[in-house]
Amino acid sequence: MIQKEMQLDNTVIYDLSAGECHARGIAVNIPDTELNILQARCKNGMLFCGIFSKEVLEKLDFPAAVFSAPAFSDMMERKPVFLTSKAMAMGATMNMTGEELLVLFS
């Protein structure tokens, strides 16, 4: 489930949940567009939209998944376009949806 919690100017905070697992999602609007930069913070990893660099995330050495997703609803339904090696070491696969990865990272 995706529930809007708060909005401050062009930033919206969401509660993302899958069963008992919860994550905090942040959507920041890109000026003069309807597009948003998305990130979700789980207990043990993060989900990102495709604007984030695969190379930088890999160097940061933590579990992360990158999606081609304009909204959190898309991110929860879709499969990632990239997983860090730390995410794969936790058991993440490219066949998992964002919702499944939220559970794994929680």
N, C-alpha and C. Protein backbone atom coordinates (compact mmCIF):
# COMPACT_ATOMS: atom_id res chain seq x y z
N MET A 1 0.84 -1.16 0.00
CA MET A 1 0.00 0.00 0.00
C MET A 1 0.90 1.24 0.00
N ILE A 2 0.44 2.27 -0.66
CA ILE A 2 1.15 3.54 -0.74
C ILE A 2 0.24 4.61 -0.15
N GLN A 3 0.71 5.25 0.92
CA GLN A 3 -0.11 6.26 1.58
C GLN A 3 0.68 7.56 1.72
N LYS A 4 0.10 8.63 1.21
CA LYS A 4 0.72 9.94 1.32
C LYS A 4 0.64 10.39 2.77
N GLU A 5 1.79 10.78 3.35
CA GLU A 5 1.82 11.22 4.73
C GLU A 5 1.88 12.73 4.89
N MET A 6 2.71 13.37 4.06
CA MET A 6 2.92 14.79 4.25
C MET A 6 3.48 15.40 2.96
N GLN A 7 3.15 16.67 2.73
CA GLN A 7 3.70 17.38 1.58
C GLN A 7 4.25 18.72 2.05
N LEU A 8 5.44 19.05 1.59
CA LEU A 8 6.07 20.33 1.87
C LEU A 8 6.57 20.87 0.55
N ASP A 9 5.90 21.90 0.05
CA ASP A 9 6.22 22.46 -1.26
C ASP A 9 6.21 21.37 -2.33
N ASN A 10 7.37 21.09 -2.92
CA ASN A 10 7.47 20.13 -4.02
C ASN A 10 8.01 18.78 -3.59
N THR A 11 7.92 18.49 -2.29
CA THR A 11 8.38 17.21 -1.74
C THR A 11 7.22 16.53 -1.03
N VAL A 12 7.02 15.23 -1.34
CA VAL A 12 5.95 14.46 -0.71
C VAL A 12 6.57 13.25 -0.03
N ILE A 13 6.15 12.99 1.21
CA ILE A 13 6.61 11.83 1.96
C ILE A 13 5.50 10.80 1.99
N TYR A 14 5.87 9.55 1.72
CA TYR A 14 4.91 8.45 1.67
C TYR A 14 5.29 7.35 2.66
N ASP A 15 4.28 6.62 3.11
CA ASP A 15 4.49 5.36 3.81
C ASP A 15 4.23 4.27 2.79
N LEU A 16 5.23 3.44 2.52
CA LEU A 16 5.11 2.32 1.59
C LEU A 16 5.08 1.05 2.43
N SER A 17 4.11 0.19 2.17
CA SER A 17 4.03 -1.03 2.96
C SER A 17 3.72 -2.24 2.08
N ALA A 18 4.21 -3.37 2.56
CA ALA A 18 3.94 -4.67 1.95
C ALA A 18 3.79 -5.63 3.11
N GLY A 19 2.57 -5.98 3.44
CA GLY A 19 2.32 -6.81 4.62
C GLY A 19 2.74 -6.05 5.86
N GLU A 20 3.60 -6.65 6.67
CA GLU A 20 4.08 -6.03 7.91
C GLU A 20 5.28 -5.12 7.69
N CYS A 21 5.82 -5.08 6.48
CA CYS A 21 7.02 -4.31 6.19
C CYS A 21 6.67 -2.90 5.72
N HIS A 22 7.41 -1.93 6.25
CA HIS A 22 7.18 -0.53 5.91
C HIS A 22 8.48 0.14 5.50
N ALA A 23 8.34 1.12 4.62
CA ALA A 23 9.46 1.95 4.21
C ALA A 23 8.96 3.38 4.08
N ARG A 24 9.85 4.32 4.20
CA ARG A 24 9.53 5.73 4.02
C ARG A 24 9.96 6.13 2.62
N GLY A 25 9.03 6.65 1.82
CA GLY A 25 9.33 7.08 0.47
C GLY A 25 9.29 8.60 0.35
N ILE A 26 10.20 9.13 -0.45
CA ILE A 26 10.25 10.58 -0.68
C ILE A 26 10.22 10.82 -2.18
N ALA A 27 9.31 11.68 -2.62
CA ALA A 27 9.20 12.08 -4.03
C ALA A 27 9.45 13.58 -4.11
N VAL A 28 10.44 13.97 -4.89
CA VAL A 28 10.77 15.38 -5.08
C VAL A 28 10.50 15.74 -6.54
N ASN A 29 9.62 16.72 -6.75
CA ASN A 29 9.26 17.13 -8.10
C ASN A 29 10.42 17.82 -8.79
N ILE A 30 10.64 17.47 -10.06
CA ILE A 30 11.64 18.14 -10.90
C ILE A 30 10.98 19.42 -11.43
N PRO A 31 11.62 20.58 -11.22
CA PRO A 31 11.00 21.86 -11.61
C PRO A 31 10.49 21.86 -13.05
N ASP A 32 9.33 22.48 -13.23
CA ASP A 32 8.70 22.68 -14.54
C ASP A 32 8.33 21.37 -15.24
N THR A 33 8.13 20.30 -14.47
CA THR A 33 7.71 19.02 -15.04
C THR A 33 6.69 18.37 -14.11
N GLU A 34 6.15 17.26 -14.56
CA GLU A 34 5.29 16.42 -13.73
C GLU A 34 6.09 15.23 -13.19
N LEU A 35 7.40 15.23 -13.41
CA LEU A 35 8.28 14.12 -13.03
C LEU A 35 8.79 14.27 -11.60
N ASN A 36 9.09 13.14 -10.97
CA ASN A 36 9.60 13.14 -9.61
C ASN A 36 10.85 12.29 -9.49
N ILE A 37 11.72 12.68 -8.57
CA ILE A 37 12.86 11.86 -8.17
C ILE A 37 12.38 11.05 -6.97
N LEU A 38 12.50 9.73 -7.05
CA LEU A 38 11.96 8.85 -6.01
C LEU A 38 13.06 8.10 -5.28
N GLN A 39 12.89 7.99 -3.95
CA GLN A 39 13.73 7.10 -3.16
C GLN A 39 12.92 6.59 -1.98
N ALA A 40 13.17 5.34 -1.63
CA ALA A 40 12.48 4.72 -0.50
C ALA A 40 13.52 4.12 0.43
N ARG A 41 13.43 4.45 1.71
CA ARG A 41 14.39 3.97 2.72
C ARG A 41 13.78 2.83 3.50
N CYS A 42 14.32 1.65 3.32
CA CYS A 42 13.91 0.46 4.08
C CYS A 42 14.89 0.30 5.24
N LYS A 43 14.61 -0.63 6.11
CA LYS A 43 15.49 -0.85 7.27
C LYS A 43 16.91 -1.22 6.83
N ASN A 44 17.04 -2.05 5.79
CA ASN A 44 18.35 -2.58 5.39
C ASN A 44 18.72 -2.32 3.94
N GLY A 45 18.13 -1.34 3.30
CA GLY A 45 18.46 -1.04 1.91
C GLY A 45 17.56 0.06 1.38
N MET A 46 17.74 0.39 0.10
CA MET A 46 16.96 1.47 -0.50
C MET A 46 16.51 1.11 -1.90
N LEU A 47 15.40 1.74 -2.32
CA LEU A 47 14.88 1.65 -3.68
C LEU A 47 14.99 3.04 -4.29
N PHE A 48 15.42 3.12 -5.55
CA PHE A 48 15.62 4.40 -6.22
C PHE A 48 15.00 4.39 -7.61
N CYS A 49 14.68 5.59 -8.12
CA CYS A 49 14.30 5.72 -9.52
C CYS A 49 15.57 5.72 -10.36
N GLY A 50 15.42 5.66 -11.65
CA GLY A 50 16.55 5.51 -12.55
C GLY A 50 17.50 6.69 -12.66
N ILE A 51 17.20 7.81 -12.02
CA ILE A 51 18.09 8.97 -12.09
C ILE A 51 19.37 8.75 -11.29
N PHE A 52 19.35 7.78 -10.39
CA PHE A 52 20.51 7.51 -9.56
C PHE A 52 21.53 6.66 -10.30
N SER A 53 22.80 6.98 -10.14
CA SER A 53 23.89 6.32 -10.85
C SER A 53 24.19 4.93 -10.27
N LYS A 54 24.20 3.94 -11.16
CA LYS A 54 24.53 2.57 -10.75
C LYS A 54 25.96 2.52 -10.19
N GLU A 55 26.87 3.21 -10.83
CA GLU A 55 28.27 3.17 -10.42
C GLU A 55 28.45 3.76 -9.02
N VAL A 56 27.80 4.87 -8.75
CA VAL A 56 27.92 5.50 -7.43
C VAL A 56 27.28 4.62 -6.35
N LEU A 57 26.11 4.07 -6.64
CA LEU A 57 25.45 3.20 -5.66
C LEU A 57 26.32 1.99 -5.34
N GLU A 58 26.96 1.42 -6.34
CA GLU A 58 27.82 0.26 -6.11
C GLU A 58 29.00 0.65 -5.22
N LYS A 59 29.58 1.82 -5.45
CA LYS A 59 30.72 2.28 -4.64
C LYS A 59 30.31 2.55 -3.19
N LEU A 60 29.06 2.94 -2.96
CA LEU A 60 28.59 3.19 -1.59
C LEU A 60 28.45 1.90 -0.80
N ASP A 61 28.41 0.77 -1.50
CA ASP A 61 28.48 -0.56 -0.87
C ASP A 61 27.34 -0.83 0.12
N PHE A 62 26.10 -0.68 -0.35
CA PHE A 62 24.93 -1.04 0.45
C PHE A 62 23.86 -1.61 -0.47
N PRO A 63 22.88 -2.33 0.09
CA PRO A 63 21.82 -2.92 -0.73
C PRO A 63 20.94 -1.84 -1.36
N ALA A 64 20.86 -1.85 -2.68
CA ALA A 64 20.04 -0.88 -3.39
C ALA A 64 19.48 -1.49 -4.67
N ALA A 65 18.29 -1.01 -5.05
CA ALA A 65 17.65 -1.41 -6.29
C ALA A 65 17.23 -0.15 -7.04
N VAL A 66 17.43 -0.13 -8.35
CA VAL A 66 17.08 1.01 -9.19
C VAL A 66 15.97 0.58 -10.15
N PHE A 67 14.97 1.44 -10.30
CA PHE A 67 13.82 1.14 -11.14
C PHE A 67 13.59 2.22 -12.19
N SER A 68 13.00 1.84 -13.30
CA SER A 68 12.46 2.79 -14.26
C SER A 68 11.01 2.99 -13.84
N ALA A 69 10.77 4.03 -13.03
CA ALA A 69 9.46 4.20 -12.40
C ALA A 69 9.17 5.68 -12.16
N PRO A 70 8.14 6.22 -12.79
CA PRO A 70 7.79 7.61 -12.56
C PRO A 70 6.99 7.85 -11.28
N ALA A 71 6.47 6.78 -10.66
CA ALA A 71 5.69 6.91 -9.43
C ALA A 71 5.96 5.69 -8.55
N PHE A 72 5.69 5.83 -7.24
CA PHE A 72 5.91 4.70 -6.34
C PHE A 72 5.04 3.50 -6.69
N SER A 73 3.84 3.75 -7.23
CA SER A 73 2.99 2.62 -7.62
C SER A 73 3.68 1.80 -8.71
N ASP A 74 4.36 2.46 -9.65
CA ASP A 74 5.12 1.76 -10.68
C ASP A 74 6.29 1.00 -10.07
N MET A 75 6.99 1.65 -9.14
CA MET A 75 8.16 1.04 -8.51
C MET A 75 7.76 -0.25 -7.78
N MET A 76 6.64 -0.25 -7.09
CA MET A 76 6.22 -1.42 -6.33
C MET A 76 5.84 -2.58 -7.24
N GLU A 77 5.32 -2.28 -8.45
CA GLU A 77 4.87 -3.32 -9.38
C GLU A 77 5.97 -3.83 -10.30
N ARG A 78 6.96 -2.99 -10.59
CA ARG A 78 7.97 -3.33 -11.59
C ARG A 78 9.17 -4.07 -11.01
N LYS A 79 9.95 -4.61 -11.93
CA LYS A 79 11.21 -5.26 -11.58
C LYS A 79 12.33 -4.24 -11.75
N PRO A 80 13.42 -4.39 -11.00
CA PRO A 80 14.50 -3.40 -11.07
C PRO A 80 15.26 -3.48 -12.40
N VAL A 81 15.92 -2.38 -12.72
CA VAL A 81 16.81 -2.35 -13.88
C VAL A 81 18.26 -2.56 -13.42
N PHE A 82 18.48 -2.44 -12.11
CA PHE A 82 19.82 -2.63 -11.55
C PHE A 82 19.72 -2.98 -10.07
N LEU A 83 20.57 -3.89 -9.62
CA LEU A 83 20.72 -4.24 -8.21
C LEU A 83 22.19 -4.14 -7.85
N THR A 84 22.50 -3.59 -6.68
CA THR A 84 23.90 -3.57 -6.24
C THR A 84 24.29 -4.99 -5.83
N SER A 85 25.59 -5.22 -5.77
CA SER A 85 26.08 -6.54 -5.37
C SER A 85 25.66 -6.85 -3.93
N LYS A 86 25.58 -5.85 -3.06
CA LYS A 86 25.11 -6.07 -1.68
C LYS A 86 23.66 -6.51 -1.67
N ALA A 87 22.83 -5.98 -2.56
CA ALA A 87 21.43 -6.39 -2.65
C ALA A 87 21.35 -7.85 -3.09
N MET A 88 22.16 -8.21 -4.09
CA MET A 88 22.15 -9.60 -4.57
C MET A 88 22.67 -10.55 -3.50
N ALA A 89 23.64 -10.11 -2.68
CA ALA A 89 24.15 -10.94 -1.59
C ALA A 89 23.07 -11.20 -0.54
N MET A 90 22.10 -10.30 -0.43
CA MET A 90 20.99 -10.49 0.50
C MET A 90 19.92 -11.43 -0.06
N GLY A 91 20.04 -11.76 -1.37
CA GLY A 91 19.06 -12.63 -2.01
C GLY A 91 18.18 -11.94 -3.03
N ALA A 92 18.43 -10.65 -3.30
CA ALA A 92 17.65 -9.92 -4.30
C ALA A 92 17.95 -10.46 -5.70
N THR A 93 16.91 -10.52 -6.53
CA THR A 93 17.09 -10.95 -7.92
C THR A 93 16.39 -9.96 -8.84
N MET A 94 16.78 -9.98 -10.09
CA MET A 94 16.19 -9.09 -11.09
C MET A 94 14.73 -9.47 -11.40
N ASN A 95 14.28 -10.63 -10.95
CA ASN A 95 12.90 -11.06 -11.17
C ASN A 95 11.95 -10.61 -10.07
N MET A 96 12.48 -9.97 -9.04
CA MET A 96 11.64 -9.52 -7.93
C MET A 96 11.02 -8.17 -8.25
N THR A 97 9.83 -7.93 -7.73
CA THR A 97 9.19 -6.62 -7.88
C THR A 97 9.70 -5.69 -6.77
N GLY A 98 9.39 -4.42 -6.92
CA GLY A 98 9.73 -3.46 -5.87
C GLY A 98 9.11 -3.84 -4.54
N GLU A 99 7.89 -4.32 -4.57
CA GLU A 99 7.24 -4.74 -3.33
C GLU A 99 8.00 -5.89 -2.68
N GLU A 100 8.43 -6.85 -3.47
CA GLU A 100 9.20 -7.98 -2.93
C GLU A 100 10.55 -7.52 -2.38
N LEU A 101 11.17 -6.55 -3.05
CA LEU A 101 12.44 -6.03 -2.57
C LEU A 101 12.25 -5.20 -1.30
N LEU A 102 11.15 -4.48 -1.20
CA LEU A 102 10.84 -3.76 0.03
C LEU A 102 10.80 -4.73 1.21
N VAL A 103 10.15 -5.87 1.02
CA VAL A 103 10.07 -6.89 2.07
C VAL A 103 11.47 -7.42 2.38
N LEU A 104 12.25 -7.75 1.37
CA LEU A 104 13.60 -8.27 1.57
C LEU A 104 14.47 -7.26 2.31
N PHE A 105 14.41 -6.00 1.92
CA PHE A 105 15.24 -4.96 2.52
C PHE A 105 14.75 -4.54 3.91
N SER A 106 13.55 -4.97 4.27
CA SER A 106 13.01 -4.62 5.58
C SER A 106 13.36 -5.69 6.60
